């Protein structure tokens, strides 16, 4: 999941999760763990992630 370029927090270099990986996680979580349905916050996050300008994944799945 940590396949995006490193990010920075002040002087620290930190691993980051790519937009594509975040989308996959947010979409698949209810499938992988059906006893834990998608939260409203996750659906909102998914909409935001799918509209990130210049994201590499051209698919437009629906939340």
N, C-alpha and C. Protein backbone atom coordinates (compact mmCIF):
# COMPACT_ATOMS: atom_id res chain seq x y z
N UNK A 1 0.81 -1.20 0.00
CA UNK A 1 0.00 0.00 0.00
C UNK A 1 0.85 1.26 0.00
N UNK A 2 2.01 1.18 0.58
CA UNK A 2 2.85 2.37 0.69
C UNK A 2 3.71 2.54 -0.55
N UNK A 3 3.02 2.66 -1.69
CA UNK A 3 3.73 2.71 -2.97
C UNK A 3 3.82 4.11 -3.57
N UNK A 4 3.31 5.09 -2.88
CA UNK A 4 3.39 6.47 -3.37
C UNK A 4 4.74 7.07 -2.98
N UNK A 5 5.12 8.15 -3.61
CA UNK A 5 6.38 8.80 -3.20
C UNK A 5 6.30 9.21 -1.73
N UNK A 6 7.43 9.24 -1.04
CA UNK A 6 7.42 9.63 0.37
C UNK A 6 6.89 11.05 0.54
N UNK A 7 6.27 11.26 1.67
CA UNK A 7 5.80 12.60 2.03
C UNK A 7 6.71 13.18 3.10
N UNK A 8 6.38 14.39 3.50
CA UNK A 8 7.17 15.04 4.54
C UNK A 8 6.26 15.63 5.59
N UNK A 9 6.68 15.46 6.83
CA UNK A 9 6.04 16.12 7.97
C UNK A 9 7.18 16.82 8.69
N UNK A 10 7.25 18.12 8.49
CA UNK A 10 8.39 18.85 9.05
C UNK A 10 9.68 18.27 8.50
N UNK A 11 10.62 17.95 9.37
CA UNK A 11 11.90 17.40 8.90
C UNK A 11 11.84 15.89 8.61
N UNK A 12 10.74 15.24 8.93
CA UNK A 12 10.63 13.80 8.74
C UNK A 12 10.18 13.42 7.34
N UNK A 13 10.75 12.37 6.80
CA UNK A 13 10.27 11.77 5.56
C UNK A 13 9.41 10.59 5.97
N UNK A 14 8.21 10.51 5.41
CA UNK A 14 7.26 9.47 5.83
C UNK A 14 6.70 8.73 4.63
N UNK A 15 6.38 7.42 4.80
CA UNK A 15 5.74 6.69 3.71
C UNK A 15 4.31 7.18 3.51
N UNK A 16 3.82 7.10 2.29
CA UNK A 16 2.46 7.52 2.00
C UNK A 16 1.73 6.44 1.21
N UNK A 17 0.42 6.45 1.33
CA UNK A 17 -0.44 5.51 0.62
C UNK A 17 -0.92 6.20 -0.65
N UNK A 18 -0.78 5.53 -1.79
CA UNK A 18 -1.20 6.13 -3.06
C UNK A 18 -2.71 6.31 -3.10
N UNK A 19 -3.16 7.22 -3.93
CA UNK A 19 -4.59 7.45 -4.11
C UNK A 19 -5.26 6.16 -4.60
N UNK A 20 -4.63 5.47 -5.54
CA UNK A 20 -5.21 4.22 -6.06
C UNK A 20 -5.39 3.19 -4.96
N UNK A 21 -4.41 3.06 -4.07
CA UNK A 21 -4.51 2.10 -2.97
C UNK A 21 -5.60 2.52 -1.98
N UNK A 22 -5.73 3.81 -1.73
CA UNK A 22 -6.79 4.29 -0.84
C UNK A 22 -8.16 3.99 -1.43
N UNK A 23 -8.30 4.20 -2.74
CA UNK A 23 -9.57 3.92 -3.41
C UNK A 23 -9.90 2.44 -3.29
N UNK A 24 -8.92 1.59 -3.57
CA UNK A 24 -9.17 0.14 -3.49
C UNK A 24 -9.57 -0.25 -2.07
N UNK A 25 -8.88 0.26 -1.09
CA UNK A 25 -9.20 -0.07 0.30
C UNK A 25 -10.61 0.39 0.66
N UNK A 26 -10.94 1.63 0.32
CA UNK A 26 -12.27 2.16 0.65
C UNK A 26 -13.38 1.41 -0.07
N UNK A 27 -13.13 0.97 -1.31
CA UNK A 27 -14.14 0.23 -2.06
C UNK A 27 -14.28 -1.20 -1.55
N UNK A 28 -13.18 -1.84 -1.23
CA UNK A 28 -13.20 -3.26 -0.93
C UNK A 28 -13.44 -3.59 0.54
N UNK A 29 -13.28 -2.64 1.42
CA UNK A 29 -13.43 -2.91 2.86
C UNK A 29 -14.74 -3.63 3.18
N UNK A 30 -15.90 -3.18 2.65
CA UNK A 30 -17.14 -3.90 2.95
C UNK A 30 -17.18 -5.31 2.36
N UNK A 31 -16.41 -5.57 1.31
CA UNK A 31 -16.34 -6.90 0.72
C UNK A 31 -15.44 -7.79 1.57
N UNK A 32 -14.28 -7.24 1.95
CA UNK A 32 -13.32 -8.00 2.74
C UNK A 32 -13.85 -8.27 4.15
N UNK A 33 -14.61 -7.34 4.69
CA UNK A 33 -15.14 -7.47 6.05
C UNK A 33 -16.63 -7.13 6.03
N UNK A 34 -17.47 -8.03 5.52
CA UNK A 34 -18.89 -7.72 5.37
C UNK A 34 -19.62 -7.41 6.68
N UNK A 35 -19.06 -7.87 7.77
CA UNK A 35 -19.70 -7.56 9.06
C UNK A 35 -19.48 -6.11 9.48
N UNK A 36 -18.63 -5.39 8.73
CA UNK A 36 -18.36 -3.98 9.02
C UNK A 36 -18.70 -3.16 7.78
N UNK A 37 -19.95 -2.74 7.63
CA UNK A 37 -20.34 -2.01 6.43
C UNK A 37 -19.61 -0.67 6.31
N UNK A 38 -19.62 -0.15 5.09
CA UNK A 38 -18.96 1.13 4.82
C UNK A 38 -19.58 2.23 5.67
N UNK A 39 -18.74 2.99 6.30
CA UNK A 39 -19.21 4.12 7.10
C UNK A 39 -19.49 5.31 6.18
N UNK A 40 -20.38 6.21 6.59
CA UNK A 40 -20.62 7.41 5.77
C UNK A 40 -19.33 8.17 5.48
N UNK A 41 -18.42 8.25 6.45
CA UNK A 41 -17.15 8.95 6.24
C UNK A 41 -16.35 8.29 5.12
N UNK A 42 -16.36 6.94 5.07
CA UNK A 42 -15.62 6.24 4.02
C UNK A 42 -16.23 6.51 2.64
N UNK A 43 -17.54 6.55 2.55
CA UNK A 43 -18.20 6.88 1.28
C UNK A 43 -17.83 8.29 0.85
N UNK A 44 -17.81 9.23 1.80
CA UNK A 44 -17.41 10.62 1.48
C UNK A 44 -15.96 10.67 1.03
N UNK A 45 -15.08 9.94 1.73
CA UNK A 45 -13.66 9.89 1.35
C UNK A 45 -13.51 9.34 -0.06
N UNK A 46 -14.27 8.30 -0.38
CA UNK A 46 -14.17 7.68 -1.70
C UNK A 46 -14.54 8.67 -2.80
N UNK A 47 -15.58 9.44 -2.58
CA UNK A 47 -15.98 10.46 -3.57
C UNK A 47 -14.84 11.46 -3.76
N UNK A 48 -14.23 11.90 -2.66
CA UNK A 48 -13.12 12.85 -2.77
C UNK A 48 -11.93 12.24 -3.51
N UNK A 49 -11.61 11.00 -3.16
CA UNK A 49 -10.47 10.34 -3.79
C UNK A 49 -10.67 10.14 -5.29
N UNK A 50 -11.91 9.84 -5.69
CA UNK A 50 -12.19 9.61 -7.10
C UNK A 50 -12.12 10.90 -7.93
N UNK A 51 -12.11 12.04 -7.27
CA UNK A 51 -12.05 13.32 -7.99
C UNK A 51 -10.69 14.01 -7.83
N UNK A 52 -9.68 13.28 -7.36
CA UNK A 52 -8.34 13.86 -7.24
C UNK A 52 -7.83 14.18 -8.64
N UNK A 53 -7.48 15.44 -8.91
CA UNK A 53 -6.97 15.80 -10.23
C UNK A 53 -5.69 15.04 -10.55
N UNK A 54 -5.62 14.52 -11.77
CA UNK A 54 -4.41 13.86 -12.22
C UNK A 54 -4.14 12.50 -11.62
N UNK A 55 -5.12 11.90 -10.97
CA UNK A 55 -4.86 10.57 -10.40
C UNK A 55 -4.60 9.59 -11.52
N UNK A 56 -3.78 8.60 -11.26
CA UNK A 56 -3.32 7.68 -12.30
C UNK A 56 -4.40 6.72 -12.77
N UNK A 57 -5.35 6.37 -11.93
CA UNK A 57 -6.35 5.37 -12.27
C UNK A 57 -7.54 6.04 -12.94
N UNK A 58 -7.75 5.82 -14.26
CA UNK A 58 -8.83 6.52 -14.95
C UNK A 58 -10.21 5.92 -14.72
N UNK A 59 -10.30 4.80 -14.01
CA UNK A 59 -11.62 4.22 -13.75
C UNK A 59 -12.44 5.16 -12.89
N UNK A 60 -13.74 5.12 -13.04
CA UNK A 60 -14.61 5.97 -12.22
C UNK A 60 -15.67 5.11 -11.53
N UNK A 61 -15.25 4.20 -10.64
CA UNK A 61 -16.23 3.40 -9.93
C UNK A 61 -17.10 4.26 -9.02
N UNK A 62 -18.23 3.78 -8.72
CA UNK A 62 -19.18 4.51 -7.87
C UNK A 62 -19.10 4.00 -6.44
N UNK A 63 -19.21 4.92 -5.45
CA UNK A 63 -19.18 4.49 -4.04
C UNK A 63 -20.41 3.66 -3.69
